[in-house]
Amino acid sequence: MYKKIIILFFWIVGINSLTAQLSPGNNALKQNISPPPLPSEATFCGEKVPLEYFDVRESLSRELNSLSYWHSSMIYTIQLTGRYMGTIENLLKQYGLPDDLKYLCITESNLQNVVSPAKAAGFWQFLPGTAKEFGLQITPEIDERYNLEKATKAACEYMKMAYSKFGNWTLAAASYNVGMAHVANQTAIQKQKSYYDLHLNQETTRYVYRAVAYKTIMNAPAKYGFCISQKDKFEPLLYKEIDVAGPTDWIAFAEKNGTNYKVLKIFNPWIISPKLSSVKSYRVKIPVKRTY
């Protein structure tokens, strides 16, 4: 009997304590959430971001808010930089392009081979028509938008063309999102030559700011609450390359080379079908050791 009374007493005390903690005006269980810090200055591709303008500050703040508090996505993206960013950086350097353009790739896809509702695909999110215009092959069996090296080279060619048209990297970057024709039309109508002075659709308005926000956070992750060491990042995949001409059964090919179709596609996501009928030659990555 006494045991029951004691248990009941502590149950009531516990309920009252929890109720008090959850009651309005009690801060015990509230999180201390505040806006992430704005940088005192920022650049994109060597061009100044005019943070002295209130609308520019607020636009960048919005993207920093969004990215800083989307923890799972940001952590995974930073981990993926360890695997893929070296390839992108090297190709940008080969083309003589600013290193900051790599943040457009992150803005497009978070370094994942995703497909948009508009059917843009791959790390660089090429639409089918634009992909073919820049030399990427798309068939029921092969989609080179998923080939990181080839897609990055195509993006480099696009950015070179866009920069030569607009004369600055922010407008070139905006055109990657919405198209050169649209940016050219809007700069003519609005009589403005700066991305920061143009009224554009909401997605394109946020586009460069999001790239700048990624750059800001990734250059000082701990400042924004992301304590990620180098060992936390995914390692680059180790592989050798061989030239393969069809017809080819990729499942049999994978087995012959000491792997399986699943892993073969991880290394070569541009392979769409288990069989290749084309006689064209393709460079295929083969794991140099078992990684699964």
C-alpha atoms as a PDB file:
ATOM      1  CA  MET A   1       0.000   0.000   0.000  1.00  0.00           C
ATOM      2  CA  TYR A   2       2.763   2.421   1.001  1.00  0.00           C
ATOM      3  CA  LYS A   3       4.706   1.546  -2.162  1.00  0.00           C
ATOM      4  CA  LYS A   4       1.680   2.465  -4.286  1.00  0.00           C
ATOM      5  CA  ILE A   5       1.300   5.800  -2.505  1.00  0.00           C
ATOM      6  CA  ILE A   6       5.022   6.612  -2.994  1.00  0.00           C
ATOM      7  CA  ILE A   7       4.874   5.700  -6.705  1.00  0.00           C
ATOM      8  CA  LEU A   8       1.753   7.829  -7.151  1.00  0.00           C
ATOM      9  CA  PHE A   9       3.437  10.746  -5.365  1.00  0.00           C
ATOM     10  CA  PHE A  10       6.507  10.718  -7.601  1.00  0.00           C
ATOM     11  CA  TRP A  11       4.315  10.285 -10.716  1.00  0.00           C
ATOM     12  CA  ILE A  12       2.334  13.418  -9.805  1.00  0.00           C
ATOM     13  CA  VAL A  13       5.513  15.358  -9.002  1.00  0.00           C
ATOM     14  CA  GLY A  14       7.024  14.315 -12.362  1.00  0.00           C
ATOM     15  CA  ILE A  15       3.958  15.347 -14.348  1.00  0.00           C
ATOM     16  CA  ASN A  16       3.789  18.719 -12.579  1.00  0.00           C
ATOM     17  CA  SER A  17       7.480  19.324 -13.232  1.00  0.00           C
ATOM     18  CA  LEU A  18       7.147  18.558 -16.960  1.00  0.00           C
ATOM     19  CA  THR A  19       4.035  20.722 -17.213  1.00  0.00           C
ATOM     20  CA  ALA A  20       5.893  23.606 -15.610  1.00  0.00           C
ATOM     21  CA  GLN A  21       8.756  23.234 -18.082  1.00  0.00           C
ATOM     22  CA  LEU A  22       6.396  23.279 -21.043  1.00  0.00           C
ATOM     23  CA  SER A  23       4.253  26.154 -19.788  1.00  0.00           C
ATOM     24  CA  PRO A  24       4.251  29.517 -21.634  1.00  0.00           C
ATOM     25  CA  GLY A  25       6.960  31.865 -20.421  1.00  0.00           C
ATOM     26  CA  ASN A  26       9.260  29.065 -19.251  1.00  0.00           C
ATOM     27  CA  ASN A  27      12.477  28.947 -21.282  1.00  0.00           C
ATOM     28  CA  ALA A  28      13.854  25.673 -19.904  1.00  0.00           C
ATOM     29  CA  LEU A  29      13.204  23.598 -23.045  1.00  0.00           C
ATOM     30  CA  LYS A  30      13.535  26.337 -25.640  1.00  0.00           C
ATOM     31  CA  GLN A  31      16.403  26.228 -28.132  1.00  0.00           C
ATOM     32  CA  ASN A  32      18.630  29.236 -28.599  1.00  0.00           C
ATOM     33  CA  ILE A  33      18.231  29.796 -32.324  1.00  0.00           C
ATOM     34  CA  SER A  34      19.590  32.937 -33.926  1.00  0.00           C
ATOM     35  CA  PRO A  35      20.393  34.087 -37.468  1.00  0.00           C
ATOM     36  CA  PRO A  36      23.819  32.936 -38.688  1.00  0.00           C
ATOM     37  CA  PRO A  37      26.377  35.737 -38.990  1.00  0.00           C
ATOM     38  CA  LEU A  38      26.676  37.710 -42.192  1.00  0.00           C
ATOM     39  CA  PRO A  39      30.237  38.097 -43.450  1.00  0.00           C
ATOM     40  CA  SER A  40      31.652  41.618 -43.328  1.00  0.00           C
ATOM     41  CA  GLU A  41      32.512  41.256 -47.011  1.00  0.00           C
ATOM     42  CA  ALA A  42      31.968  38.666 -49.730  1.00  0.00           C
ATOM     43  CA  THR A  43      32.982  37.984 -53.317  1.00  0.00           C
ATOM     44  CA  PHE A  44      31.891  35.644 -56.076  1.00  0.00           C
ATOM     45  CA  CYS A  45      34.460  34.775 -58.751  1.00  0.00           C
ATOM     46  CA  GLY A  46      36.492  37.778 -57.635  1.00  0.00           C
ATOM     47  CA  GLU A  47      33.546  40.165 -57.998  1.00  0.00           C
ATOM     48  CA  LYS A  48      32.411  42.071 -54.920  1.00  0.00           C
ATOM     49  CA  VAL A  49      29.037  41.265 -53.403  1.00  0.00           C
ATOM     50  CA  PRO A  50      27.625  44.721 -52.524  1.00  0.00           C
ATOM     51  CA  LEU A  51      26.655  44.025 -48.918  1.00  0.00           C
ATOM     52  CA  GLU A  52      26.218  47.747 -48.331  1.00  0.00           C
ATOM     53  CA  TYR A  53      22.791  47.405 -50.027  1.00  0.00           C
ATOM     54  CA  PHE A  54      20.029  46.325 -47.638  1.00  0.00           C
ATOM     55  CA  ASP A  55      18.383  44.029 -50.196  1.00  0.00           C
ATOM     56  CA  VAL A  56      21.679  42.252 -50.906  1.00  0.00           C
ATOM     57  CA  ARG A  57      22.350  41.718 -47.197  1.00  0.00           C
ATOM     58  CA  GLU A  58      18.848  40.376 -46.624  1.00  0.00           C
ATOM     59  CA  SER A  59      19.011  38.091 -49.664  1.00  0.00           C
ATOM     60  CA  LEU A  60      22.296  36.560 -48.526  1.00  0.00           C
ATOM     61  CA  SER A  61      20.979  36.287 -44.966  1.00  0.00           C
ATOM     62  CA  ARG A  62      17.979  34.326 -46.245  1.00  0.00           C
ATOM     63  CA  GLU A  63      20.219  31.748 -47.931  1.00  0.00           C
ATOM     64  CA  LEU A  64      22.536  31.501 -44.922  1.00  0.00           C
ATOM     65  CA  ASN A  65      19.476  30.881 -42.727  1.00  0.00           C
ATOM     66  CA  SER A  66      18.220  28.168 -45.041  1.00  0.00           C
ATOM     67  CA  LEU A  67      21.518  26.328 -45.411  1.00  0.00           C
ATOM     68  CA  SER A  68      22.735  26.704 -41.826  1.00  0.00           C
ATOM     69  CA  TYR A  69      19.620  25.127 -40.356  1.00  0.00           C
ATOM     70  CA  TRP A  70      19.174  22.378 -42.953  1.00  0.00           C
ATOM     71  CA  HIS A  71      21.717  20.353 -41.052  1.00  0.00           C
ATOM     72  CA  SER A  72      21.413  16.894 -42.588  1.00  0.00           C
ATOM     73  CA  SER A  73      21.643  18.183 -46.154  1.00  0.00           C
ATOM     74  CA  MET A  74      24.592  20.477 -45.464  1.00  0.00           C
ATOM     75  CA  ILE A  75      26.552  17.801 -43.597  1.00  0.00           C
ATOM     76  CA  TYR A  76      26.049  15.292 -46.415  1.00  0.00           C
ATOM     77  CA  THR A  77      27.008  17.862 -49.049  1.00  0.00           C
ATOM     78  CA  ILE A  78      30.222  18.748 -47.194  1.00  0.00           C
ATOM     79  CA  GLN A  79      31.019  15.044 -46.919  1.00  0.00           C
ATOM     80  CA  LEU A  80      30.548  14.647 -50.682  1.00  0.00           C
ATOM     81  CA  THR A  81      33.001  17.462 -51.400  1.00  0.00           C
ATOM     82  CA  GLY A  82      35.777  15.126 -50.298  1.00  0.00           C
ATOM     83  CA  ARG A  83      34.900  12.723 -53.102  1.00  0.00           C
ATOM     84  CA  TYR A  84      34.010  14.989 -56.010  1.00  0.00           C
ATOM     85  CA  MET A  85      35.262  18.526 -55.515  1.00  0.00           C
ATOM     86  CA  GLY A  86      38.837  17.781 -56.563  1.00  0.00           C
ATOM     87  CA  THR A  87      37.670  16.708 -60.026  1.00  0.00           C
ATOM     88  CA  ILE A  88      35.551  19.842 -60.467  1.00  0.00           C
ATOM     89  CA  GLU A  89      38.283  22.170 -59.211  1.00  0.00           C
ATOM     90  CA  ASN A  90      40.892  20.635 -61.524  1.00  0.00           C
ATOM     91  CA  LEU A  91      38.683  21.009 -64.598  1.00  0.00           C
ATOM     92  CA  LEU A  92      37.792  24.618 -63.762  1.00  0.00           C
ATOM     93  CA  LYS A  93      41.504  25.321 -63.459  1.00  0.00           C
ATOM     94  CA  GLN A  94      42.225  23.625 -66.797  1.00  0.00           C
ATOM     95  CA  TYR A  95      39.650  25.870 -68.463  1.00  0.00           C
ATOM     96  CA  GLY A  96      41.047  28.976 -66.758  1.00  0.00           C
ATOM     97  CA  LEU A  97      37.772  29.621 -64.941  1.00  0.00           C
ATOM     98  CA  PRO A  98      37.235  30.973 -61.398  1.00  0.00           C
ATOM     99  CA  ASP A  99      37.252  28.349 -58.656  1.00  0.00           C
ATOM    100  CA  ASP A 100      34.045  29.802 -57.175  1.00  0.00           C
ATOM    101  CA  LEU A 101      32.035  28.330 -60.052  1.00  0.00           C
ATOM    102  CA  LYS A 102      32.197  25.024 -58.193  1.00  0.00           C
ATOM    103  CA  TYR A 103      29.575  26.436 -55.818  1.00  0.00           C
ATOM    104  CA  LEU A 104      27.129  26.612 -58.725  1.00  0.00           C
ATOM    105  CA  CYS A 105      27.423  22.845 -59.042  1.00  0.00           C
ATOM    106  CA  ILE A 106      26.600  22.487 -55.340  1.00  0.00           C
ATOM    107  CA  THR A 107      23.711  24.933 -55.725  1.00  0.00           C
ATOM    108  CA  GLU A 108      22.382  22.922 -58.658  1.00  0.00           C
ATOM    109  CA  SER A 109      22.488  19.443 -57.175  1.00  0.00           C
ATOM    110  CA  ASN A 110      24.262  19.231 -53.793  1.00  0.00           C
ATOM    111  CA  LEU A 111      26.790  17.050 -55.662  1.00  0.00           C
ATOM    112  CA  GLN A 112      24.209  14.375 -56.406  1.00  0.00           C
ATOM    113  CA  ASN A 113      22.896  12.929 -59.650  1.00  0.00           C
ATOM    114  CA  VAL A 114      19.372  14.205 -59.199  1.00  0.00           C
ATOM    115  CA  VAL A 115      16.632  14.861 -61.753  1.00  0.00           C
ATOM    116  CA  SER A 116      14.537  18.041 -61.583  1.00  0.00           C
ATOM    117  CA  PRO A 117      10.819  18.310 -62.407  1.00  0.00           C
ATOM    118  CA  ALA A 118      11.905  19.984 -65.681  1.00  0.00           C
ATOM    119  CA  LYS A 119      14.041  16.867 -66.489  1.00  0.00           C
ATOM    120  CA  ALA A 120      17.380  18.581 -65.865  1.00  0.00           C
ATOM    121  CA  ALA A 121      19.809  15.918 -64.683  1.00  0.00           C
ATOM    122  CA  GLY A 122      23.205  15.255 -63.191  1.00  0.00           C
ATOM    123  CA  PHE A 123      25.528  17.280 -60.980  1.00  0.00           C
ATOM    124  CA  TRP A 124      25.291  20.273 -63.313  1.00  0.00           C
ATOM    125  CA  GLN A 125      21.557  19.850 -64.028  1.00  0.00           C
ATOM    126  CA  PHE A 126      21.652  20.056 -67.808  1.00  0.00           C
ATOM    127  CA  LEU A 127      18.348  20.054 -69.668  1.00  0.00           C
ATOM    128  CA  PRO A 128      18.328  17.557 -72.551  1.00  0.00           C
ATOM    129  CA  GLY A 129      18.490  20.228 -75.270  1.00  0.00           C
ATOM    130  CA  THR A 130      21.314  22.187 -73.646  1.00  0.00           C
ATOM    131  CA  ALA A 131      23.222  18.984 -72.904  1.00  0.00           C
ATOM    132  CA  LYS A 132      23.180  17.955 -76.559  1.00  0.00           C
ATOM    133  CA  GLU A 133      24.108  21.486 -77.620  1.00  0.00           C
ATOM    134  CA  PHE A 134      27.274  21.170 -75.515  1.00  0.00           C
ATOM    135  CA  GLY A 135      28.176  17.708 -76.749  1.00  0.00           C
ATOM    136  CA  LEU A 136      26.684  15.409 -74.134  1.00  0.00           C
ATOM    137  CA  GLN A 137      25.147  12.202 -75.466  1.00  0.00           C
ATOM    138  CA  ILE A 138      21.703  11.154 -74.256  1.00  0.00           C
ATOM    139  CA  THR A 139      20.209   7.822 -75.376  1.00  0.00           C
ATOM    140  CA  PRO A 140      18.097   5.114 -73.701  1.00  0.00           C
ATOM    141  CA  GLU A 141      21.406   3.397 -72.847  1.00  0.00           C
ATOM    142  CA  ILE A 142      23.790   6.307 -72.107  1.00  0.00           C
ATOM    143  CA  ASP A 143      23.271   9.695 -70.446  1.00  0.00           C
ATOM    144  CA  GLU A 144      26.477  11.709 -70.235  1.00  0.00           C
ATOM    145  CA  ARG A 145      24.850  14.333 -68.031  1.00  0.00           C
ATOM    146  CA  TYR A 146      25.732  11.826 -65.277  1.00  0.00           C
ATOM    147  CA  ASN A 147      29.381  11.698 -66.341  1.00  0.00           C
ATOM    148  CA  LEU A 148      31.020  14.124 -63.919  1.00  0.00           C
ATOM    149  CA  GLU A 149      34.045  14.887 -66.087  1.00  0.00           C
ATOM    150  CA  LYS A 150      32.116  15.370 -69.331  1.00  0.00           C
ATOM    151  CA  ALA A 151      29.307  17.348 -67.697  1.00  0.00           C
ATOM    152  CA  THR A 152      31.801  19.612 -65.907  1.00  0.00           C
ATOM    153  CA  LYS A 153      33.600  20.257 -69.195  1.00  0.00           C
ATOM    154  CA  ALA A 154      30.264  21.129 -70.810  1.00  0.00           C
ATOM    155  CA  ALA A 155      29.470  23.504 -67.916  1.00  0.00           C
ATOM    156  CA  CYS A 156      32.894  25.118 -68.379  1.00  0.00           C
ATOM    157  CA  GLU A 157      32.185  25.687 -72.074  1.00  0.00           C
ATOM    158  CA  TYR A 158      28.836  27.223 -71.184  1.00  0.00           C
ATOM    159  CA  MET A 159      30.343  29.558 -68.590  1.00  0.00           C
ATOM    160  CA  LYS A 160      33.067  30.714 -70.989  1.00  0.00           C
ATOM    161  CA  MET A 161      30.408  31.548 -73.569  1.00  0.00           C
ATOM    162  CA  ALA A 162      28.182  33.288 -71.011  1.00  0.00           C
ATOM    163  CA  TYR A 163      31.027  35.370 -69.598  1.00  0.00           C
ATOM    164  CA  SER A 164      32.032  36.485 -73.083  1.00  0.00           C
ATOM    165  CA  LYS A 165      28.415  37.590 -73.623  1.00  0.00           C
ATOM    166  CA  PHE A 166      27.766  39.412 -70.327  1.00  0.00           C
ATOM    167  CA  GLY A 167      31.224  40.474 -69.169  1.00  0.00           C
ATOM    168  CA  ASN A 168      30.788  39.474 -65.523  1.00  0.00           C
ATOM    169  CA  TRP A 169      30.504  36.188 -63.662  1.00  0.00           C
ATOM    170  CA  THR A 170      27.350  36.897 -61.673  1.00  0.00           C
ATOM    171  CA  LEU A 171      25.265  37.462 -64.801  1.00  0.00           C
ATOM    172  CA  ALA A 172      26.939  34.457 -66.425  1.00  0.00           C
ATOM    173  CA  ALA A 173      25.982  32.416 -63.366  1.00  0.00           C
ATOM    174  CA  ALA A 174      22.407  33.716 -63.411  1.00  0.00           C
ATOM    175  CA  SER A 175      22.153  32.729 -67.067  1.00  0.00           C
ATOM    176  CA  TYR A 176      23.150  29.165 -66.143  1.00  0.00           C
ATOM    177  CA  ASN A 177      19.951  29.037 -64.127  1.00  0.00           C
ATOM    178  CA  VAL A 178      17.545  30.805 -66.467  1.00  0.00           C
ATOM    179  CA  GLY A 179      19.263  30.932 -69.861  1.00  0.00           C
ATOM    180  CA  MET A 180      21.377  33.491 -71.690  1.00  0.00           C
ATOM    181  CA  ALA A 181      18.489  34.768 -73.790  1.00  0.00           C
ATOM    182  CA  HIS A 182      16.383  35.619 -70.741  1.00  0.00           C
ATOM    183  CA  VAL A 183      19.221  37.413 -68.941  1.00  0.00           C
ATOM    184  CA  ALA A 184      20.103  39.348 -72.094  1.00  0.00           C
ATOM    185  CA  ASN A 185      16.457  40.325 -72.525  1.00  0.00           C
ATOM    186  CA  GLN A 186      16.084  41.505 -68.924  1.00  0.00           C
ATOM    187  CA  THR A 187      19.316  43.504 -68.889  1.00  0.00           C
ATOM    188  CA  ALA A 188      18.128  45.276 -72.046  1.00  0.00           C
ATOM    189  CA  ILE A 189      14.611  45.952 -70.743  1.00  0.00           C
ATOM    190  CA  GLN A 190      15.703  47.098 -67.267  1.00  0.00           C
ATOM    191  CA  LYS A 191      18.837  48.877 -68.531  1.00  0.00           C
ATOM    192  CA  GLN A 192      21.012  47.217 -65.862  1.00  0.00           C
ATOM    193  CA  LYS A 193      24.293  45.346 -66.193  1.00  0.00           C
ATOM    194  CA  SER A 194      24.596  44.020 -62.634  1.00  0.00           C
ATOM    195  CA  TYR A 195      22.918  40.893 -61.294  1.00  0.00           C
ATOM    196  CA  TYR A 196      22.396  42.709 -57.993  1.00  0.00           C
ATOM    197  CA  ASP A 197      20.358  45.462 -59.712  1.00  0.00           C
ATOM    198  CA  LEU A 198      18.127  43.178 -61.794  1.00  0.00           C
ATOM    199  CA  HIS A 199      14.587  42.102 -60.988  1.00  0.00           C
ATOM    200  CA  LEU A 200      14.419  38.416 -61.924  1.00  0.00           C
ATOM    201  CA  ASN A 201      12.176  35.473 -61.124  1.00  0.00           C
ATOM    202  CA  GLN A 202      12.441  34.221 -57.546  1.00  0.00           C
ATOM    203  CA  GLU A 203      14.541  31.149 -58.327  1.00  0.00           C
ATOM    204  CA  THR A 204      17.141  33.102 -60.301  1.00  0.00           C
ATOM    205  CA  THR A 205      17.056  35.958 -57.784  1.00  0.00           C
ATOM    206  CA  ARG A 206      18.112  33.484 -55.072  1.00  0.00           C
ATOM    207  CA  TYR A 207      20.509  31.492 -57.255  1.00  0.00           C
ATOM    208  CA  VAL A 208      23.791  33.418 -56.958  1.00  0.00           C
ATOM    209  CA  TYR A 209      23.105  34.311 -53.322  1.00  0.00           C
ATOM    210  CA  ARG A 210      22.778  30.610 -52.554  1.00  0.00           C
ATOM    211  CA  ALA A 211      26.129  29.932 -54.223  1.00  0.00           C
ATOM    212  CA  VAL A 212      27.691  32.726 -52.155  1.00  0.00           C
ATOM    213  CA  ALA A 213      26.079  31.272 -49.017  1.00  0.00           C
ATOM    214  CA  TYR A 214      27.541  27.834 -49.762  1.00  0.00           C
ATOM    215  CA  LYS A 215      30.952  29.438 -50.239  1.00  0.00           C
ATOM    216  CA  THR A 216      30.617  31.384 -46.978  1.00  0.00           C
ATOM    217  CA  ILE A 217      29.666  28.343 -44.919  1.00  0.00           C
ATOM    218  CA  MET A 218      32.087  25.901 -46.533  1.00  0.00           C
ATOM    219  CA  ASN A 219      35.027  28.259 -46.065  1.00  0.00           C
ATOM    220  CA  ALA A 220      34.280  28.504 -42.317  1.00  0.00           C
ATOM    221  CA  PRO A 221      31.998  25.565 -41.420  1.00  0.00           C
ATOM    222  CA  ALA A 222      32.667  25.649 -37.667  1.00  0.00           C
ATOM    223  CA  LYS A 223      31.540  29.287 -37.549  1.00  0.00           C
ATOM    224  CA  TYR A 224      28.141  28.076 -38.771  1.00  0.00           C
ATOM    225  CA  GLY A 225      27.944  25.094 -36.443  1.00  0.00           C
ATOM    226  CA  PHE A 226      29.310  22.367 -38.733  1.00  0.00           C
ATOM    227  CA  CYS A 227      32.172  20.571 -36.976  1.00  0.00           C
ATOM    228  CA  ILE A 228      33.288  18.279 -39.795  1.00  0.00           C
ATOM    229  CA  SER A 229      36.876  17.039 -39.966  1.00  0.00           C
ATOM    230  CA  GLN A 230      38.702  15.857 -43.061  1.00  0.00           C
ATOM    231  CA  LYS A 231      38.218  12.247 -41.992  1.00  0.00           C
ATOM    232  CA  ASP A 232      34.442  12.818 -41.957  1.00  0.00           C
ATOM    233  CA  LYS A 233      34.488  13.573 -45.685  1.00  0.00           C
ATOM    234  CA  PHE A 234      34.045  10.772 -48.199  1.00  0.00           C
ATOM    235  CA  GLU A 235      37.238   9.655 -49.899  1.00  0.00           C
ATOM    236  CA  PRO A 236      37.651   9.874 -53.692  1.00  0.00           C
ATOM    237  CA  LEU A 237      36.863   6.607 -55.456  1.00  0.00           C
ATOM    238  CA  LEU A 238      39.925   4.686 -56.650  1.00  0.00           C
ATOM    239  CA  TYR A 239      39.680   3.312 -60.156  1.00  0.00           C
ATOM    240  CA  LYS A 240      41.432   2.493 -63.398  1.00  0.00           C
ATOM    241  CA  GLU A 241      39.986   3.366 -66.816  1.00  0.00           C
ATOM    242  CA  ILE A 242      39.597   1.197 -69.888  1.00  0.00           C
ATOM    243  CA  ASP A 243      37.986   1.883 -73.250  1.00  0.00           C
ATOM    244  CA  VAL A 244      34.946  -0.262 -74.005  1.00  0.00           C
ATOM    245  CA  ALA A 245      33.096  -0.474 -77.333  1.00  0.00           C
ATOM    246  CA  GLY A 246      29.678  -2.068 -77.644  1.00  0.00           C
ATOM    247  CA  PRO A 247      27.817  -4.249 -77.868  1.00  0.00           C
ATOM    248  CA  THR A 248      28.431  -4.949 -74.181  1.00  0.00           C
ATOM    249  CA  ASP A 249      26.587  -6.741 -71.408  1.00  0.00           C
ATOM    250  CA  TRP A 250      27.473  -4.541 -68.424  1.00  0.00           C
ATOM    251  CA  ILE A 251      26.501  -7.196 -65.873  1.00  0.00           C
ATOM    252  CA  ALA A 252      28.855  -9.755 -67.405  1.00  0.00           C
ATOM    253  CA  PHE A 253      31.470  -7.029 -67.889  1.00  0.00           C
ATOM    254  CA  ALA A 254      31.305  -6.082 -64.206  1.00  0.00           C
ATOM    255  CA  GLU A 255      31.669  -9.693 -63.087  1.00  0.00           C
ATOM    256  CA  LYS A 256      34.633 -10.210 -65.410  1.00  0.00           C
ATOM    257  CA  ASN A 257      36.320  -7.180 -63.833  1.00  0.00           C
ATOM    258  CA  GLY A 258      35.839  -8.295 -60.251  1.00  0.00           C
ATOM    259  CA  THR A 259      32.831  -6.177 -59.317  1.00  0.00           C
ATOM    260  CA  ASN A 260      29.065  -6.087 -59.852  1.00  0.00           C
ATOM    261  CA  TYR A 261      26.582  -3.981 -61.811  1.00  0.00           C
ATOM    262  CA  LYS A 262      25.600  -1.903 -58.781  1.00  0.00           C
ATOM    263  CA  VAL A 263      29.181  -0.832 -58.062  1.00  0.00           C
ATOM    264  CA  LEU A 264      29.929  -0.377 -61.767  1.00  0.00           C
ATOM    265  CA  LYS A 265      27.064   2.141 -61.925  1.00  0.00           C
ATOM    266  CA  ILE A 266      28.305   3.957 -58.815  1.00  0.00           C
ATOM    267  CA  PHE A 267      31.595   4.526 -60.631  1.00  0.00           C
ATOM    268  CA  ASN A 268      29.876   5.140 -64.001  1.00  0.00           C
ATOM    269  CA  PRO A 269      26.399   6.599 -63.341  1.00  0.00           C
ATOM    270  CA  TRP A 270      26.122   7.556 -67.031  1.00  0.00           C
ATOM    271  CA  ILE A 271      25.409   3.882 -67.792  1.00  0.00           C
ATOM    272  CA  ILE A 272      21.607   3.766 -67.982  1.00  0.00           C
ATOM    273  CA  SER A 273      20.875   0.287 -69.331  1.00  0.00           C
ATOM    274  CA  PRO A 274      22.375  -3.113 -68.405  1.00  0.00           C
ATOM    275  CA  LYS A 275      23.255  -3.600 -72.076  1.00  0.00           C
ATOM    276  CA  LEU A 276      25.088  -1.385 -74.566  1.00  0.00           C
ATOM    277  CA  SER A 277      24.223  -1.882 -78.236  1.00  0.00           C
ATOM    278  CA  SER A 278      26.161   1.068 -79.652  1.00  0.00           C
ATOM    279  CA  VAL A 279      29.542   0.350 -81.245  1.00  0.00           C
ATOM    280  CA  LYS A 280      30.877   3.689 -79.992  1.00  0.00           C
ATOM    281  CA  SER A 281      33.787   3.499 -77.555  1.00  0.00           C
ATOM    282  CA  TYR A 282      33.351   4.697 -73.952  1.00  0.00           C
ATOM    283  CA  ARG A 283      35.904   5.175 -71.189  1.00  0.00           C
ATOM    284  CA  VAL A 284      34.789   3.121 -68.197  1.00  0.00           C
ATOM    285  CA  LYS A 285      35.982   3.381 -64.586  1.00  0.00           C
ATOM    286  CA  ILE A 286      36.821   0.071 -62.922  1.00  0.00           C
ATOM    287  CA  PRO A 287      37.314  -0.138 -59.126  1.00  0.00           C
ATOM    288  CA  VAL A 288      40.934  -0.940 -58.306  1.00  0.00           C
ATOM    289  CA  LYS A 289      39.879  -2.755 -55.138  1.00  0.00           C
ATOM    290  CA  ARG A 290      36.694  -4.046 -53.590  1.00  0.00           C
ATOM    291  CA  THR A 291      34.916  -1.040 -52.104  1.00  0.00           C
ATOM    292  CA  TYR A 292      31.633  -2.657 -51.097  1.00  0.00           C
END
